[in-house]
Amino acid sequence: MTTSADIVNRALEMVASQVKVTGNDPAYDASVAGNAAGVLYRPAVEMLLRQLDPDFARTAASLIAQANGTLVALTKWTQEYIYPSTALRLRQIRPAKGDYDELDPQPVRGEVMADPLSVPGGPVKVVMTNQANAIAVFTSSAAGVGAESLWDAAFQEAAARRLANPLAMALAGRPDFARSLLEESDQFAQLAELSEDF
């Protein structure tokens, strides 16, 4: 079973580091590499998930109406929903099951906005649409850190190479090497994208 430490150690090998980390995100060992991984791992993985939208990270959930929403009165939309807490990227809004012809699905329009007045203390990220009882299909962070066993080999390699880039800078201050690792990461990210096609 692949763990976050496995991905970090693979990235450390790419930067020719002689150390290996123990523990898992966010509680790696107290080494310099472990401290760097604790800061860099989750953002690198979540950015890659957002960029690639891999199938293993796709999920769906009923949207919850934003009770104190203020944007309905100010926009063209009739419904305001709370943005799902584990969503990294919204892929689609659709009607509830049975409320549409599955053989002829029509796209449901909508947009993500910030509602500054809905709750005390600051703006809230919301989904605006005209679809009542909407379901969101999204890329979930729940399939990222802590769920590495769901990742296919191409995504694991892309994640290790994406992480190797900032680790090269954090541990060795090598911008030239970090740049080449980032370019390699993009190549593996493209490969991971291709592996999701049917």
C-alpha atoms as a PDB file:
ATOM      1  CA  MET A   1       0.000   0.000   0.000  1.00  0.00           C
ATOM      2  CA  THR A   2       1.457   3.342  -1.067  1.00  0.00           C
ATOM      3  CA  THR A   3       1.742   6.044   1.592  1.00  0.00           C
ATOM      4  CA  SER A   4       2.670   9.714   1.570  1.00  0.00           C
ATOM      5  CA  ALA A   5       6.116   8.772   2.919  1.00  0.00           C
ATOM      6  CA  ASP A   6       6.636   6.515  -0.121  1.00  0.00           C
ATOM      7  CA  ILE A   7       5.868   9.422  -2.468  1.00  0.00           C
ATOM      8  CA  VAL A   8       8.112  11.811  -0.505  1.00  0.00           C
ATOM      9  CA  ASN A   9      10.986   9.298  -0.448  1.00  0.00           C
ATOM     10  CA  ARG A  10      10.643   8.752  -4.193  1.00  0.00           C
ATOM     11  CA  ALA A  11      10.847  12.534  -4.657  1.00  0.00           C
ATOM     12  CA  LEU A  12      13.906  12.693  -2.380  1.00  0.00           C
ATOM     13  CA  GLU A  13      15.622  10.039  -4.504  1.00  0.00           C
ATOM     14  CA  MET A  14      15.021  12.208  -7.578  1.00  0.00           C
ATOM     15  CA  VAL A  15      16.899  15.088  -5.967  1.00  0.00           C
ATOM     16  CA  ALA A  16      19.742  12.745  -4.979  1.00  0.00           C
ATOM     17  CA  SER A  17      19.040  13.156  -1.281  1.00  0.00           C
ATOM     18  CA  GLN A  18      20.698  10.629   0.993  1.00  0.00           C
ATOM     19  CA  VAL A  19      17.901  10.825   3.569  1.00  0.00           C
ATOM     20  CA  LYS A  20      14.549   9.121   3.842  1.00  0.00           C
ATOM     21  CA  VAL A  21      11.610  10.395   5.856  1.00  0.00           C
ATOM     22  CA  THR A  22       9.435   8.407   8.205  1.00  0.00           C
ATOM     23  CA  GLY A  23       5.896   9.085   9.294  1.00  0.00           C
ATOM     24  CA  ASN A  24       3.043  10.271   7.122  1.00  0.00           C
ATOM     25  CA  ASP A  25       1.522  13.597   6.220  1.00  0.00           C
ATOM     26  CA  PRO A  26       1.503  15.904   8.110  1.00  0.00           C
ATOM     27  CA  ALA A  27       3.514  14.214  10.876  1.00  0.00           C
ATOM     28  CA  TYR A  28       6.793  13.322   9.190  1.00  0.00           C
ATOM     29  CA  ASP A  29       9.955  12.985  11.251  1.00  0.00           C
ATOM     30  CA  ALA A  30      11.725  16.129  12.510  1.00  0.00           C
ATOM     31  CA  SER A  31      14.502  16.035   9.891  1.00  0.00           C
ATOM     32  CA  VAL A  32      14.983  18.926   7.475  1.00  0.00           C
ATOM     33  CA  ALA A  33      13.468  16.778   4.717  1.00  0.00           C
ATOM     34  CA  GLY A  34      10.573  15.743   6.977  1.00  0.00           C
ATOM     35  CA  ASN A  35       9.814  19.360   7.885  1.00  0.00           C
ATOM     36  CA  ALA A  36       9.937  20.406   4.215  1.00  0.00           C
ATOM     37  CA  ALA A  37       7.666  17.518   3.212  1.00  0.00           C
ATOM     38  CA  GLY A  38       5.186  18.482   5.942  1.00  0.00           C
ATOM     39  CA  VAL A  39       4.833  21.908   4.359  1.00  0.00           C
ATOM     40  CA  LEU A  40       5.052  20.971   0.667  1.00  0.00           C
ATOM     41  CA  TYR A  41       3.331  17.608   0.225  1.00  0.00           C
ATOM     42  CA  ARG A  42      -0.376  18.447   0.574  1.00  0.00           C
ATOM     43  CA  PRO A  43      -0.324  21.572  -1.654  1.00  0.00           C
ATOM     44  CA  ALA A  44       1.611  19.710  -4.378  1.00  0.00           C
ATOM     45  CA  VAL A  45      -0.831  16.780  -4.378  1.00  0.00           C
ATOM     46  CA  GLU A  46      -3.946  18.963  -4.279  1.00  0.00           C
ATOM     47  CA  MET A  47      -2.665  21.143  -7.123  1.00  0.00           C
ATOM     48  CA  LEU A  48      -2.012  18.056  -9.239  1.00  0.00           C
ATOM     49  CA  LEU A  49      -5.472  16.640  -8.460  1.00  0.00           C
ATOM     50  CA  ARG A  50      -7.031  19.950  -9.448  1.00  0.00           C
ATOM     51  CA  GLN A  51      -4.993  20.135 -12.635  1.00  0.00           C
ATOM     52  CA  LEU A  52      -5.655  16.574 -13.826  1.00  0.00           C
ATOM     53  CA  ASP A  53      -9.162  15.801 -12.506  1.00  0.00           C
ATOM     54  CA  PRO A  54      -8.335  12.068 -12.351  1.00  0.00           C
ATOM     55  CA  ASP A  55     -11.265   9.659 -12.360  1.00  0.00           C
ATOM     56  CA  PHE A  56     -10.289   8.146  -8.999  1.00  0.00           C
ATOM     57  CA  ALA A  57     -10.869  11.554  -7.376  1.00  0.00           C
ATOM     58  CA  ARG A  58     -14.313  12.140  -8.910  1.00  0.00           C
ATOM     59  CA  THR A  59     -17.321  12.056  -6.609  1.00  0.00           C
ATOM     60  CA  ALA A  60     -20.843  13.469  -6.418  1.00  0.00           C
ATOM     61  CA  ALA A  61     -22.893  14.957  -3.601  1.00  0.00           C
ATOM     62  CA  SER A  62     -26.203  16.740  -3.166  1.00  0.00           C
ATOM     63  CA  LEU A  63     -25.626  20.447  -2.750  1.00  0.00           C
ATOM     64  CA  ILE A  64     -26.853  22.075   0.456  1.00  0.00           C
ATOM     65  CA  ALA A  65     -28.832  25.306   0.098  1.00  0.00           C
ATOM     66  CA  GLN A  66     -27.160  28.382   1.552  1.00  0.00           C
ATOM     67  CA  ALA A  67     -29.852  29.501   3.997  1.00  0.00           C
ATOM     68  CA  ASN A  68     -28.576  33.055   4.466  1.00  0.00           C
ATOM     69  CA  GLY A  69     -27.557  33.520   0.840  1.00  0.00           C
ATOM     70  CA  THR A  70     -27.639  37.058  -0.454  1.00  0.00           C
ATOM     71  CA  LEU A  71     -26.527  36.603  -4.055  1.00  0.00           C
ATOM     72  CA  VAL A  72     -29.840  35.299  -5.445  1.00  0.00           C
ATOM     73  CA  ALA A  73     -31.301  38.794  -5.194  1.00  0.00           C
ATOM     74  CA  LEU A  74     -28.242  40.313  -6.876  1.00  0.00           C
ATOM     75  CA  THR A  75     -27.564  37.877  -9.736  1.00  0.00           C
ATOM     76  CA  LYS A  76     -29.326  36.040 -12.541  1.00  0.00           C
ATOM     77  CA  TRP A  77     -29.315  32.790 -10.517  1.00  0.00           C
ATOM     78  CA  THR A  78     -32.263  31.446  -8.514  1.00  0.00           C
ATOM     79  CA  GLN A  79     -30.413  28.960  -6.278  1.00  0.00           C
ATOM     80  CA  GLU A  80     -27.424  29.397  -3.960  1.00  0.00           C
ATOM     81  CA  TYR A  81     -25.645  26.373  -2.482  1.00  0.00           C
ATOM     82  CA  ILE A  82     -22.694  25.874  -0.135  1.00  0.00           C
ATOM     83  CA  TYR A  83     -19.579  24.820  -2.047  1.00  0.00           C
ATOM     84  CA  PRO A  84     -18.692  21.218  -1.017  1.00  0.00           C
ATOM     85  CA  SER A  85     -16.014  21.261   1.673  1.00  0.00           C
ATOM     86  CA  THR A  86     -13.872  18.553   0.049  1.00  0.00           C
ATOM     87  CA  ALA A  87     -14.160  19.910  -3.499  1.00  0.00           C
ATOM     88  CA  LEU A  88     -10.937  20.958  -5.183  1.00  0.00           C
ATOM     89  CA  ARG A  89     -12.651  21.663  -8.483  1.00  0.00           C
ATOM     90  CA  LEU A  90     -16.297  21.622  -9.488  1.00  0.00           C
ATOM     91  CA  ARG A  91     -16.748  19.537 -12.659  1.00  0.00           C
ATOM     92  CA  GLN A  92     -20.491  19.606 -13.220  1.00  0.00           C
ATOM     93  CA  ILE A  93     -23.848  20.565 -11.767  1.00  0.00           C
ATOM     94  CA  ARG A  94     -26.712  18.232 -12.548  1.00  0.00           C
ATOM     95  CA  PRO A  95     -30.312  17.623 -11.516  1.00  0.00           C
ATOM     96  CA  ALA A  96     -31.206  15.053  -8.900  1.00  0.00           C
ATOM     97  CA  LYS A  97     -31.390  11.484 -10.176  1.00  0.00           C
ATOM     98  CA  GLY A  98     -34.612  10.906 -12.048  1.00  0.00           C
ATOM     99  CA  ASP A  99     -35.181  14.608 -12.746  1.00  0.00           C
ATOM    100  CA  TYR A 100     -33.725  14.374 -16.237  1.00  0.00           C
ATOM    101  CA  ASP A 101     -33.459  12.051 -19.238  1.00  0.00           C
ATOM    102  CA  GLU A 102     -30.230  10.095 -18.715  1.00  0.00           C
ATOM    103  CA  LEU A 103     -30.110   9.319 -22.461  1.00  0.00           C
ATOM    104  CA  ASP A 104     -30.265  13.035 -23.308  1.00  0.00           C
ATOM    105  CA  PRO A 105     -28.647  14.942 -20.446  1.00  0.00           C
ATOM    106  CA  GLN A 106     -28.700  18.689 -20.840  1.00  0.00           C
ATOM    107  CA  PRO A 107     -25.927  20.788 -19.315  1.00  0.00           C
ATOM    108  CA  VAL A 108     -26.807  22.728 -16.186  1.00  0.00           C
ATOM    109  CA  ARG A 109     -25.219  26.137 -16.062  1.00  0.00           C
ATOM    110  CA  GLY A 110     -23.840  27.700 -12.936  1.00  0.00           C
ATOM    111  CA  GLU A 111     -20.848  29.431 -11.433  1.00  0.00           C
ATOM    112  CA  VAL A 112     -18.775  29.551  -8.286  1.00  0.00           C
ATOM    113  CA  MET A 113     -18.849  32.828  -6.377  1.00  0.00           C
ATOM    114  CA  ALA A 114     -18.042  34.284  -2.980  1.00  0.00           C
ATOM    115  CA  ASP A 115     -21.000  35.450  -0.940  1.00  0.00           C
ATOM    116  CA  PRO A 116     -19.616  38.203   1.314  1.00  0.00           C
ATOM    117  CA  LEU A 117     -22.740  38.713   3.398  1.00  0.00           C
ATOM    118  CA  SER A 118     -24.093  35.225   4.022  1.00  0.00           C
ATOM    119  CA  VAL A 119     -22.439  34.649   7.401  1.00  0.00           C
ATOM    120  CA  PRO A 120     -20.779  36.856   9.985  1.00  0.00           C
ATOM    121  CA  GLY A 121     -17.017  36.779   9.786  1.00  0.00           C
ATOM    122  CA  GLY A 122     -16.371  36.770   6.081  1.00  0.00           C
ATOM    123  CA  PRO A 123     -17.262  35.541   2.636  1.00  0.00           C
ATOM    124  CA  VAL A 124     -18.382  31.984   1.897  1.00  0.00           C
ATOM    125  CA  LYS A 125     -17.668  30.097  -1.317  1.00  0.00           C
ATOM    126  CA  VAL A 126     -20.972  29.179  -2.991  1.00  0.00           C
ATOM    127  CA  VAL A 127     -22.340  27.539  -6.124  1.00  0.00           C
ATOM    128  CA  MET A 128     -24.914  29.592  -8.040  1.00  0.00           C
ATOM    129  CA  THR A 129     -27.324  27.951 -10.493  1.00  0.00           C
ATOM    130  CA  ASN A 130     -30.962  27.832 -11.561  1.00  0.00           C
ATOM    131  CA  GLN A 131     -31.153  24.104 -10.791  1.00  0.00           C
ATOM    132  CA  ALA A 132     -33.305  23.161  -7.784  1.00  0.00           C
ATOM    133  CA  ASN A 133     -32.146  20.090  -5.801  1.00  0.00           C
ATOM    134  CA  ALA A 134     -28.776  20.224  -7.552  1.00  0.00           C
ATOM    135  CA  ILE A 135     -26.053  17.603  -7.384  1.00  0.00           C
ATOM    136  CA  ALA A 136     -22.398  18.577  -7.751  1.00  0.00           C
ATOM    137  CA  VAL A 137     -19.842  16.352  -9.458  1.00  0.00           C
ATOM    138  CA  PHE A 138     -16.380  17.389  -8.340  1.00  0.00           C
ATOM    139  CA  THR A 139     -12.758  16.452  -7.827  1.00  0.00           C
ATOM    140  CA  SER A 140     -12.439  15.587  -4.153  1.00  0.00           C
ATOM    141  CA  SER A 141      -9.498  16.234  -1.863  1.00  0.00           C
ATOM    142  CA  ALA A 142     -10.591  13.078   0.014  1.00  0.00           C
ATOM    143  CA  ALA A 143      -8.933  11.055  -2.787  1.00  0.00           C
ATOM    144  CA  GLY A 144      -5.632  12.867  -2.240  1.00  0.00           C
ATOM    145  CA  VAL A 145      -3.486  12.936   0.883  1.00  0.00           C
ATOM    146  CA  GLY A 146      -4.140   9.821   2.950  1.00  0.00           C
ATOM    147  CA  ALA A 147      -5.692   7.940   0.019  1.00  0.00           C
ATOM    148  CA  GLU A 148      -2.503   7.271  -1.968  1.00  0.00           C
ATOM    149  CA  SER A 149      -3.532   3.638  -2.439  1.00  0.00           C
ATOM    150  CA  LEU A 150      -6.226   4.890  -4.874  1.00  0.00           C
ATOM    151  CA  TRP A 151      -3.644   6.508  -7.164  1.00  0.00           C
ATOM    152  CA  ASP A 152      -2.550   4.778 -10.341  1.00  0.00           C
ATOM    153  CA  ALA A 153       1.166   4.437 -11.147  1.00  0.00           C
ATOM    154  CA  ALA A 154       1.213   7.441 -13.506  1.00  0.00           C
ATOM    155  CA  PHE A 155      -0.353   9.741 -10.900  1.00  0.00           C
ATOM    156  CA  GLN A 156       2.061   8.496  -8.225  1.00  0.00           C
ATOM    157  CA  GLU A 157       5.001   9.282 -10.484  1.00  0.00           C
ATOM    158  CA  ALA A 158       3.594  12.693 -11.416  1.00  0.00           C
ATOM    159  CA  ALA A 159       3.063  13.501  -7.710  1.00  0.00           C
ATOM    160  CA  ALA A 160       6.604  12.442  -6.778  1.00  0.00           C
ATOM    161  CA  ARG A 161       8.100  14.533  -9.582  1.00  0.00           C
ATOM    162  CA  ARG A 162       5.887  17.534  -8.774  1.00  0.00           C
ATOM    163  CA  LEU A 163       6.999  17.300  -5.137  1.00  0.00           C
ATOM    164  CA  ALA A 164      10.662  16.862  -6.105  1.00  0.00           C
ATOM    165  CA  ASN A 165      10.666  20.357  -7.601  1.00  0.00           C
ATOM    166  CA  PRO A 166      10.051  22.311  -4.375  1.00  0.00           C
ATOM    167  CA  LEU A 167      12.051  19.776  -2.343  1.00  0.00           C
ATOM    168  CA  ALA A 168      15.094  20.438  -4.565  1.00  0.00           C
ATOM    169  CA  MET A 169      14.817  24.127  -3.700  1.00  0.00           C
ATOM    170  CA  ALA A 170      14.046  23.585  -0.001  1.00  0.00           C
ATOM    171  CA  LEU A 171      16.843  21.107   0.624  1.00  0.00           C
ATOM    172  CA  ALA A 172      19.569  22.083  -1.799  1.00  0.00           C
ATOM    173  CA  GLY A 173      18.713  25.480  -3.282  1.00  0.00           C
ATOM    174  CA  ARG A 174      19.114  24.137  -6.821  1.00  0.00           C
ATOM    175  CA  PRO A 175      16.828  26.170  -9.129  1.00  0.00           C
ATOM    176  CA  ASP A 176      18.216  24.650 -12.362  1.00  0.00           C
ATOM    177  CA  PHE A 177      17.532  21.121 -11.159  1.00  0.00           C
ATOM    178  CA  ALA A 178      14.159  22.134  -9.728  1.00  0.00           C
ATOM    179  CA  ARG A 179      13.122  23.537 -13.116  1.00  0.00           C
ATOM    180  CA  SER A 180      14.013  20.319 -14.954  1.00  0.00           C
ATOM    181  CA  LEU A 181      12.064  18.291 -12.365  1.00  0.00           C
ATOM    182  CA  LEU A 182       9.033  20.531 -12.851  1.00  0.00           C
ATOM    183  CA  GLU A 183       9.196  20.003 -16.614  1.00  0.00           C
ATOM    184  CA  GLU A 184       9.410  16.229 -16.079  1.00  0.00           C
ATOM    185  CA  SER A 185       6.476  16.454 -13.684  1.00  0.00           C
ATOM    186  CA  ASP A 186       4.379  18.103 -16.407  1.00  0.00           C
ATOM    187  CA  GLN A 187       5.263  15.268 -18.798  1.00  0.00           C
ATOM    188  CA  PHE A 188       4.163  12.653 -16.275  1.00  0.00           C
ATOM    189  CA  ALA A 189       1.041  14.688 -15.534  1.00  0.00           C
ATOM    190  CA  GLN A 190       0.167  14.468 -19.239  1.00  0.00           C
ATOM    191  CA  LEU A 191       0.721  10.719 -19.092  1.00  0.00           C
ATOM    192  CA  ALA A 192      -1.556  10.463 -16.056  1.00  0.00           C
ATOM    193  CA  GLU A 193      -4.192  12.453 -17.966  1.00  0.00           C
ATOM    194  CA  LEU A 194      -3.981  10.049 -20.901  1.00  0.00           C
ATOM    195  CA  SER A 195      -4.363   7.013 -18.678  1.00  0.00           C
ATOM    196  CA  GLU A 196      -7.821   8.246 -17.608  1.00  0.00           C
ATOM    197  CA  ASP A 197      -9.226   8.239 -21.156  1.00  0.00           C
ATOM    198  CA  PHE A 198     -11.402   5.303 -22.231  1.00  0.00           C
END
